[in-house]
């Protein structure tokens, strides 16, 4: 029996992207080519994954594209949808989401609409852009577009936002009225939200009541305070140090206003772990949209049908660009290792900052680094696919050894 397993091993490749270098599908494809070059009889299935941040839409689309393989035959049938949204600084832009019409499920990344990667970092650093007015309106427009498409379930990936507005922009785009002391709609960003004195829920999109919002985030920060959105994440989004306390206080006032308007107890939502995710989009999604907060990697693995895909695998390959302590705190490779169902797991990365013993203790039988075969880190970033194919050949040549389970696990 065990001989048959080794003679025709089944491998599942479930890697995240190598950020700034290769997509999850490109990584998996290169590894698969290398393995099959050494073991042509192996069954190698591909299921690109993500942790709920940037790359989650791509993972959903890639799972659909790979669904002809046996491992992903049950994967959702996502296709790409596009819509026009407002960018973080009011600029029009096109954003994507993934939609499965059969399951009426949409996958949205807020970073597609209001991501920090959309911002001119030079302008932000020079003060030409005022980060206090960055808006999350585009995230609300993406949700509205998903509802227009017929979505009844929405996976909302929080991560990489340029905003610190408590989700006020997202909520106004979905019909919530947010007004200042003279009855005028508040301006954009945290600066605008801080002037809110009244909200009106009458215009909130009624379709939200019939939709399930699953919020993918591993952030546990509250909305405001020393561990809040402005204090912890504001500096990387360009909030000037001298204005962080002002924006933090404004988020506190806005959050308290929303809680009162919804009849919630003070701190019920502003103090909730995860409320500070994505500049307060976590708060808005949980308090107003009725969202359910879930660890990003578990939510994505459920969405992609990972448990069915990994069943019967002899070896699981996962990976990301950099292996470090952060990887072990909710990133995709750690989630894959935790749900591998007893199959041995190896990790492929550009480079690792973890001692081998630490990686093994975390569930990885072995770690393969691109820098081990190409010491030039810049080349690893620039030309990862040939190197990944070589890593695949190394894994293919050692497949029987890597897939062997200890007697007690058989």
Protein backbone atom coordinates (compact mmCIF):
# COMPACT_ATOMS: atom_id res chain seq x y z
CA UNK A 1 0.00 0.00 0.00
CA UNK A 2 2.70 2.46 0.98
CA UNK A 3 4.70 1.46 -2.10
CA UNK A 4 1.76 2.47 -4.30
CA UNK A 5 1.66 5.86 -2.61
CA UNK A 6 5.31 6.50 -3.37
CA UNK A 7 5.08 5.16 -6.94
CA UNK A 8 2.33 7.64 -7.86
CA UNK A 9 2.42 10.35 -5.20
CA UNK A 10 -0.17 13.08 -5.09
CA UNK A 11 1.14 16.59 -4.42
CA UNK A 12 -0.92 19.67 -3.63
CA UNK A 13 0.75 23.06 -4.22
CA UNK A 14 -0.97 25.71 -2.10
CA UNK A 15 1.30 28.76 -2.19
CA UNK A 16 0.63 32.43 -1.62
CA UNK A 17 2.11 35.06 -3.93
CA UNK A 18 5.74 36.12 -3.69
CA UNK A 19 4.90 39.78 -3.15
CA UNK A 20 6.32 42.09 -5.79
CA UNK A 21 7.80 39.14 -7.63
CA UNK A 22 5.30 36.47 -8.77
CA UNK A 23 1.62 35.67 -8.38
CA UNK A 24 0.51 32.60 -6.47
CA UNK A 25 -0.48 30.91 -9.73
CA UNK A 26 2.92 31.67 -11.31
CA UNK A 27 4.73 30.28 -8.25
CA UNK A 28 2.67 27.09 -8.32
CA UNK A 29 3.08 26.67 -12.06
CA UNK A 30 6.87 26.90 -11.88
CA UNK A 31 7.06 24.43 -9.00
CA UNK A 32 4.73 22.02 -10.80
CA UNK A 33 6.84 22.11 -13.97
CA UNK A 34 9.96 21.32 -11.94
CA UNK A 35 8.37 18.43 -10.06
CA UNK A 36 6.97 16.83 -13.21
CA UNK A 37 10.33 17.17 -14.94
CA UNK A 38 11.72 14.82 -12.28
CA UNK A 39 8.64 12.69 -11.54
CA UNK A 40 6.43 12.60 -14.60
CA UNK A 41 4.13 10.05 -12.96
CA UNK A 42 3.26 12.31 -10.02
CA UNK A 43 -0.17 13.85 -9.69
CA UNK A 44 0.43 17.53 -8.97
CA UNK A 45 -2.57 19.72 -8.21
CA UNK A 46 -2.57 23.48 -7.76
CA UNK A 47 -4.66 25.59 -5.39
CA UNK A 48 -3.29 29.15 -5.05
CA UNK A 49 -4.11 30.65 -1.66
CA UNK A 50 -4.02 33.98 0.18
CA UNK A 51 -4.47 35.20 3.73
CA UNK A 52 -7.36 37.61 3.16
CA UNK A 53 -5.17 40.57 2.22
CA UNK A 54 -3.97 41.60 -1.22
CA UNK A 55 -3.92 38.62 -3.55
CA UNK A 56 -7.20 37.17 -2.26
CA UNK A 57 -9.13 38.13 -5.40
CA UNK A 58 -6.34 36.66 -7.52
CA UNK A 59 -6.44 33.44 -5.48
CA UNK A 60 -10.20 33.09 -6.01
CA UNK A 61 -9.82 33.67 -9.75
CA UNK A 62 -6.85 31.31 -9.99
CA UNK A 63 -8.75 28.56 -8.16
CA UNK A 64 -11.48 28.83 -10.77
CA UNK A 65 -8.92 28.79 -13.58
CA UNK A 66 -7.34 25.64 -12.12
CA UNK A 67 -10.63 23.85 -11.51
CA UNK A 68 -10.07 21.29 -14.25
CA UNK A 69 -7.64 19.44 -11.95
CA UNK A 70 -9.04 16.83 -9.60
CA UNK A 71 -8.05 18.79 -6.51
CA UNK A 72 -9.91 21.92 -7.50
CA UNK A 73 -12.89 20.44 -9.30
CA UNK A 74 -15.15 21.57 -6.46
CA UNK A 75 -13.63 25.05 -6.27
CA UNK A 76 -16.08 27.96 -6.66
CA UNK A 77 -16.63 29.26 -10.17
CA UNK A 78 -15.34 32.79 -9.75
CA UNK A 79 -14.95 35.21 -12.61
CA UNK A 80 -13.51 38.70 -12.64
CA UNK A 81 -15.79 41.72 -12.43
CA UNK A 82 -14.74 45.36 -12.78
CA UNK A 83 -16.32 48.62 -11.76
CA UNK A 84 -15.49 52.31 -11.46
CA UNK A 85 -14.77 53.52 -7.94
CA UNK A 86 -13.36 56.50 -6.09
CA UNK A 87 -9.71 56.09 -5.14
CA UNK A 88 -8.27 57.00 -1.74
CA UNK A 89 -7.69 60.62 -2.75
CA UNK A 90 -10.87 61.10 -4.76
CA UNK A 91 -9.45 60.04 -8.10
CA UNK A 92 -11.56 57.81 -10.36
CA UNK A 93 -10.17 54.34 -10.91
CA UNK A 94 -11.18 50.87 -12.01
CA UNK A 95 -11.30 48.14 -9.39
CA UNK A 96 -11.80 44.37 -9.55
CA UNK A 97 -13.64 41.81 -7.50
CA UNK A 98 -14.29 38.09 -7.95
CA UNK A 99 -17.83 36.80 -8.27
CA UNK A 100 -19.28 33.31 -8.28
CA UNK A 101 -22.77 33.62 -9.81
CA UNK A 102 -23.73 30.08 -8.84
CA UNK A 103 -23.00 30.59 -5.15
CA UNK A 104 -23.82 34.32 -5.35
CA UNK A 105 -20.57 35.00 -3.53
CA UNK A 106 -18.25 37.96 -4.08
CA UNK A 107 -14.65 38.38 -2.94
CA UNK A 108 -13.56 41.97 -2.40
CA UNK A 109 -10.24 43.49 -1.37
CA UNK A 110 -10.62 47.00 0.03
CA UNK A 111 -7.09 47.70 -1.24
CA UNK A 112 -8.42 47.47 -4.81
CA UNK A 113 -10.32 50.71 -4.17
CA UNK A 114 -8.48 52.52 -1.37
CA UNK A 115 -5.14 50.74 -1.12
CA UNK A 116 -1.90 52.32 -0.06
CA UNK A 117 -0.29 50.85 -3.18
CA UNK A 118 -2.46 53.24 -5.22
CA UNK A 119 -0.90 56.28 -3.58
CA UNK A 120 2.10 58.19 -4.89
CA UNK A 121 4.51 57.51 -2.02
CA UNK A 122 6.72 60.45 -3.00
CA UNK A 123 3.79 62.85 -2.88
CA UNK A 124 2.65 61.35 0.41
CA UNK A 125 6.11 61.67 1.92
CA UNK A 126 6.53 65.23 0.72
CA UNK A 127 3.26 66.31 2.27
CA UNK A 128 1.66 67.00 -1.11
CA UNK A 129 -1.11 64.57 -0.14
CA UNK A 130 -3.03 65.08 3.11
CA UNK A 131 -3.54 61.61 4.56
CA UNK A 132 -6.22 62.89 6.93
CA UNK A 133 -8.64 63.16 3.98
CA UNK A 134 -8.00 59.71 2.43
CA UNK A 135 -11.41 58.09 1.89
CA UNK A 136 -12.71 54.54 1.91
CA UNK A 137 -15.67 55.44 -0.34
CA UNK A 138 -14.39 53.14 -3.08
CA UNK A 139 -14.71 50.13 -0.78
CA UNK A 140 -18.41 50.90 -0.36
CA UNK A 141 -18.78 51.26 -4.12
CA UNK A 142 -17.19 47.83 -4.60
CA UNK A 143 -19.69 46.33 -2.15
CA UNK A 144 -22.55 48.04 -3.99
CA UNK A 145 -21.25 46.63 -7.30
CA UNK A 146 -21.17 43.13 -5.78
CA UNK A 147 -24.77 43.56 -4.60
CA UNK A 148 -25.71 44.78 -8.10
CA UNK A 149 -24.21 41.55 -9.48
CA UNK A 150 -26.48 39.54 -7.17
CA UNK A 151 -24.12 38.73 -4.30
CA UNK A 152 -25.73 37.38 -1.15
CA UNK A 153 -22.42 36.56 0.52
CA UNK A 154 -19.46 38.94 0.46
CA UNK A 155 -15.94 38.16 1.62
CA UNK A 156 -14.38 41.50 2.52
CA UNK A 157 -10.60 41.39 2.74
CA UNK A 158 -9.24 44.15 4.97
CA UNK A 159 -5.62 44.95 4.39
CA UNK A 160 -3.34 47.46 2.74
CA UNK A 161 -5.68 50.45 2.97
CA UNK A 162 -4.48 54.05 2.70
CA UNK A 163 -7.33 55.29 4.87
CA UNK A 164 -7.96 56.17 8.51
CA UNK A 165 -11.58 57.32 8.29
CA UNK A 166 -13.32 54.79 10.52
CA UNK A 167 -15.08 53.44 7.43
CA UNK A 168 -17.11 56.65 7.10
CA UNK A 169 -16.42 56.83 3.37
CA UNK A 170 -17.46 53.22 2.82
CA UNK A 171 -20.67 53.74 4.79
CA UNK A 172 -21.67 56.95 3.01
CA UNK A 173 -21.12 55.22 -0.34
CA UNK A 174 -23.62 52.60 0.86
CA UNK A 175 -26.21 55.21 1.79
CA UNK A 176 -25.52 56.09 5.42
CA UNK A 177 -26.02 59.80 6.06
CA UNK A 178 -23.19 61.37 8.06
CA UNK A 179 -23.68 65.05 8.87
CA UNK A 180 -21.85 67.83 10.68
CA UNK A 181 -23.19 70.41 13.13
CA UNK A 182 -24.82 72.54 10.42
CA UNK A 183 -26.47 69.55 8.74
CA UNK A 184 -24.05 69.28 5.82
CA UNK A 185 -22.49 65.96 4.75
CA UNK A 186 -19.07 65.61 6.32
CA UNK A 187 -15.94 65.82 4.22
CA UNK A 188 -13.68 62.88 3.32
CA UNK A 189 -11.29 61.00 5.53
CA UNK A 190 -10.67 60.94 9.24
CA UNK A 191 -10.71 64.73 9.24
CA UNK A 192 -14.25 64.71 7.88
CA UNK A 193 -15.49 61.91 10.15
CA UNK A 194 -14.24 63.81 13.17
CA UNK A 195 -16.81 66.55 12.48
CA UNK A 196 -19.79 64.17 12.40
CA UNK A 197 -22.58 65.00 14.84
CA UNK A 198 -25.47 63.02 13.36
CA UNK A 199 -26.01 59.86 11.31
CA UNK A 200 -29.08 58.74 9.39
CA UNK A 201 -29.48 55.06 8.58
CA UNK A 202 -32.66 55.51 6.52
CA UNK A 203 -30.81 55.55 3.21
CA UNK A 204 -28.54 52.57 3.93
CA UNK A 205 -28.71 50.09 1.04
CA UNK A 206 -31.52 47.69 2.04
CA UNK A 207 -29.82 44.79 0.25
CA UNK A 208 -27.19 44.72 3.00
CA UNK A 209 -29.78 43.30 5.40
CA UNK A 210 -30.05 40.17 3.24
CA UNK A 211 -26.33 39.77 2.62
CA UNK A 212 -23.79 37.94 4.75
CA UNK A 213 -20.57 39.93 5.15
CA UNK A 214 -17.53 37.87 6.12
CA UNK A 215 -14.66 40.11 7.18
CA UNK A 216 -11.20 38.64 6.61
CA UNK A 217 -8.67 40.16 8.98
CA UNK A 218 -6.06 39.11 11.52
CA UNK A 219 -5.77 42.58 13.08
CA UNK A 220 -6.94 42.72 16.69
CA UNK A 221 -6.60 46.47 17.32
CA UNK A 222 -9.57 48.49 18.60
CA UNK A 223 -10.74 51.55 16.70
CA UNK A 224 -8.96 54.15 18.79
CA UNK A 225 -6.54 54.68 21.68
CA UNK A 226 -2.86 53.81 21.96
CA UNK A 227 -3.45 50.54 20.09
CA UNK A 228 -5.96 52.04 17.66
CA UNK A 229 -6.01 52.56 13.92
CA UNK A 230 -4.47 56.05 13.87
CA UNK A 231 -1.76 55.45 16.45
CA UNK A 232 -0.55 52.10 15.18
CA UNK A 233 -1.11 52.24 11.42
CA UNK A 234 -1.48 55.96 10.72
CA UNK A 235 2.25 56.71 10.34
CA UNK A 236 2.70 54.22 7.49
CA UNK A 237 -0.25 55.84 5.69
CA UNK A 238 1.25 59.31 5.89
CA UNK A 239 -0.58 60.71 8.91
CA UNK A 240 1.69 63.45 10.31
CA UNK A 241 2.79 62.62 13.88
CA UNK A 242 1.38 65.90 15.15
CA UNK A 243 -2.10 65.03 13.84
CA UNK A 244 -2.40 61.43 15.00
CA UNK A 245 -3.95 62.38 18.36
CA UNK A 246 -6.45 64.63 16.56
CA UNK A 247 -7.53 61.88 14.14
CA UNK A 248 -7.64 59.32 16.94
CA UNK A 249 -9.94 61.55 18.98
CA UNK A 250 -12.09 62.15 15.90
CA UNK A 251 -12.43 58.42 15.28
CA UNK A 252 -13.48 58.02 18.90
CA UNK A 253 -16.22 60.64 18.49
CA UNK A 254 -17.39 59.14 15.20
CA UNK A 255 -17.44 55.64 16.66
CA UNK A 256 -19.40 56.78 19.72
CA UNK A 257 -21.87 58.57 17.44
CA UNK A 258 -22.45 55.41 15.41
CA UNK A 259 -22.87 53.32 18.55
CA UNK A 260 -25.47 55.75 19.91
CA UNK A 261 -27.26 55.83 16.57
CA UNK A 262 -27.46 52.05 16.52
CA UNK A 263 -28.50 51.77 20.15
CA UNK A 264 -25.29 49.99 21.11
CA UNK A 265 -23.52 50.33 24.44
CA UNK A 266 -20.50 52.66 24.56
CA UNK A 267 -17.43 50.73 23.41
CA UNK A 268 -19.46 47.78 22.16
CA UNK A 269 -18.01 48.16 18.67
CA UNK A 270 -15.22 50.74 19.01
CA UNK A 271 -13.45 48.52 21.55
CA UNK A 272 -14.04 45.28 19.65
CA UNK A 273 -10.80 43.52 18.61
CA UNK A 274 -10.42 44.09 14.88
CA UNK A 275 -12.35 47.37 14.82
CA UNK A 276 -9.12 49.19 13.98
CA UNK A 277 -8.39 47.06 10.91
CA UNK A 278 -7.89 48.99 7.66
CA UNK A 279 -8.12 52.39 9.33
CA UNK A 280 -11.41 51.56 11.01
CA UNK A 281 -13.08 49.72 8.15
CA UNK A 282 -13.27 46.80 10.58
CA UNK A 283 -15.41 48.91 12.91
CA UNK A 284 -17.75 50.02 10.12
CA UNK A 285 -18.13 46.52 8.70
CA UNK A 286 -18.83 44.94 12.07
CA UNK A 287 -21.03 47.63 13.61
CA UNK A 288 -23.06 48.85 10.64
CA UNK A 289 -22.89 46.10 8.02
CA UNK A 290 -23.30 43.27 10.51
CA UNK A 291 -20.07 41.66 9.40
CA UNK A 292 -18.59 38.52 10.93
CA UNK A 293 -14.87 38.77 11.65
CA UNK A 294 -12.86 35.68 10.67
CA UNK A 295 -9.12 34.92 10.49
CA UNK A 296 -8.20 35.68 6.90
CA UNK A 297 -6.42 32.46 5.99
CA UNK A 298 -9.13 30.19 7.41
CA UNK A 299 -11.83 32.15 5.60
CA UNK A 300 -9.98 31.93 2.28
CA UNK A 301 -9.18 28.22 2.68
CA UNK A 302 -12.85 27.52 3.37
CA UNK A 303 -13.86 29.61 0.38
CA UNK A 304 -11.50 27.75 -1.96
CA UNK A 305 -12.44 24.26 -0.74
CA UNK A 306 -9.00 23.55 0.68
CA UNK A 307 -10.04 20.68 2.96
CA UNK A 308 -11.44 18.73 0.01
CA UNK A 309 -8.39 19.57 -2.10
CA UNK A 310 -5.89 18.37 0.50
CA UNK A 311 -7.68 15.11 1.26
CA UNK A 312 -5.49 12.21 0.17
CA UNK A 313 -2.44 14.34 -0.59
CA UNK A 314 0.93 12.69 0.02
CA UNK A 315 2.76 16.02 0.17
CA UNK A 316 1.69 19.64 0.50
CA UNK A 317 3.86 22.48 -0.76
CA UNK A 318 3.16 25.98 0.50
CA UNK A 319 5.11 29.20 0.50
CA UNK A 320 5.47 32.96 0.29
CA UNK A 321 8.22 35.42 -0.50
CA UNK A 322 9.69 35.74 3.00
CA UNK A 323 9.49 33.28 5.90
CA UNK A 324 9.70 34.97 9.30
CA UNK A 325 7.89 35.16 12.63
CA UNK A 326 5.03 37.05 10.97
CA UNK A 327 4.41 34.01 8.76
CA UNK A 328 3.53 32.00 11.84
CA UNK A 329 0.92 34.55 12.99
CA UNK A 330 -1.93 33.98 10.58
CA UNK A 331 -0.19 34.11 7.21
CA UNK A 332 -1.11 31.67 4.45
CA UNK A 333 1.68 29.07 4.89
CA UNK A 334 0.92 28.66 8.61
CA UNK A 335 -2.78 28.20 7.84
CA UNK A 336 -2.02 25.62 5.16
CA UNK A 337 0.27 23.68 7.52
CA UNK A 338 -2.36 23.71 10.26
CA UNK A 339 -5.00 22.23 7.94
CA UNK A 340 -2.90 19.79 5.94
CA UNK A 341 -4.68 16.83 7.49
CA UNK A 342 -1.54 15.03 8.55
CA UNK A 343 0.18 15.27 5.15
CA UNK A 344 3.83 16.38 5.29
CA UNK A 345 4.25 20.08 4.43
CA UNK A 346 7.29 21.72 2.88
CA UNK A 347 7.69 25.45 2.42
CA UNK A 348 9.22 27.34 -0.48
CA UNK A 349 10.28 30.96 -0.02
CA UNK A 350 12.63 33.57 -1.37
CA UNK A 351 14.47 33.68 1.92
CA UNK A 352 13.93 32.66 5.53
CA UNK A 353 14.65 34.50 8.76
CA UNK A 354 13.69 31.49 10.89
CA UNK A 355 16.07 28.85 12.24
CA UNK A 356 15.32 25.41 10.84
CA UNK A 357 14.22 24.16 14.26
CA UNK A 358 11.62 26.93 14.51
CA UNK A 359 10.27 26.14 11.04
CA UNK A 360 10.03 22.42 11.83
CA UNK A 361 8.24 23.16 15.11
CA UNK A 362 5.74 25.26 13.12
CA UNK A 363 4.84 22.25 10.97
CA UNK A 364 7.19 22.52 7.98
CA UNK A 365 9.19 19.37 7.25
CA UNK A 366 11.68 21.32 5.19
CA UNK A 367 12.23 24.86 3.90
CA UNK A 368 13.52 25.51 0.38
CA UNK A 369 14.92 29.02 -0.21
CA UNK A 370 15.60 30.62 -3.58
CA UNK A 371 18.67 32.33 -2.10
CA UNK A 372 20.13 28.88 -1.40
CA UNK A 373 20.54 28.36 -5.14
CA UNK A 374 20.95 32.02 -6.18
CA UNK A 375 22.67 34.19 -3.55
CA UNK A 376 21.76 37.40 -5.42
CA UNK A 377 18.53 38.42 -3.67
CA UNK A 378 17.74 41.01 -6.34
CA UNK A 379 17.83 38.36 -9.03
CA UNK A 380 15.59 36.14 -6.91
CA UNK A 381 13.06 38.97 -6.83
CA UNK A 382 13.47 39.85 -10.50
CA UNK A 383 13.57 36.35 -12.01
CA UNK A 384 11.94 33.96 -9.53
CA UNK A 385 10.25 31.52 -11.91
CA UNK A 386 13.34 29.70 -13.27
CA UNK A 387 14.61 29.41 -9.69
CA UNK A 388 11.26 28.09 -8.48
CA UNK A 389 11.33 25.53 -11.27
CA UNK A 390 14.75 24.40 -10.05
CA UNK A 391 13.36 24.12 -6.53
CA UNK A 392 10.54 22.03 -8.00
CA UNK A 393 13.08 19.68 -9.52
CA UNK A 394 14.80 19.35 -6.15
CA UNK A 395 11.48 18.47 -4.52
CA UNK A 396 10.62 16.07 -7.36
CA UNK A 397 13.92 14.28 -6.93
CA UNK A 398 13.26 13.79 -3.22
CA UNK A 399 9.53 13.20 -3.44
CA UNK A 400 9.53 9.76 -1.82
CA UNK A 401 11.61 10.99 1.10
CA UNK A 402 9.61 14.19 1.64
CA UNK A 403 6.25 12.42 1.37
CA UNK A 404 7.17 9.58 3.72
CA UNK A 405 5.14 9.69 6.92
CA UNK A 406 6.30 8.32 10.24
CA UNK A 407 4.75 4.91 11.04
CA UNK A 408 2.40 6.38 13.65
CA UNK A 409 0.93 8.81 11.06
CA UNK A 410 0.14 6.13 8.45
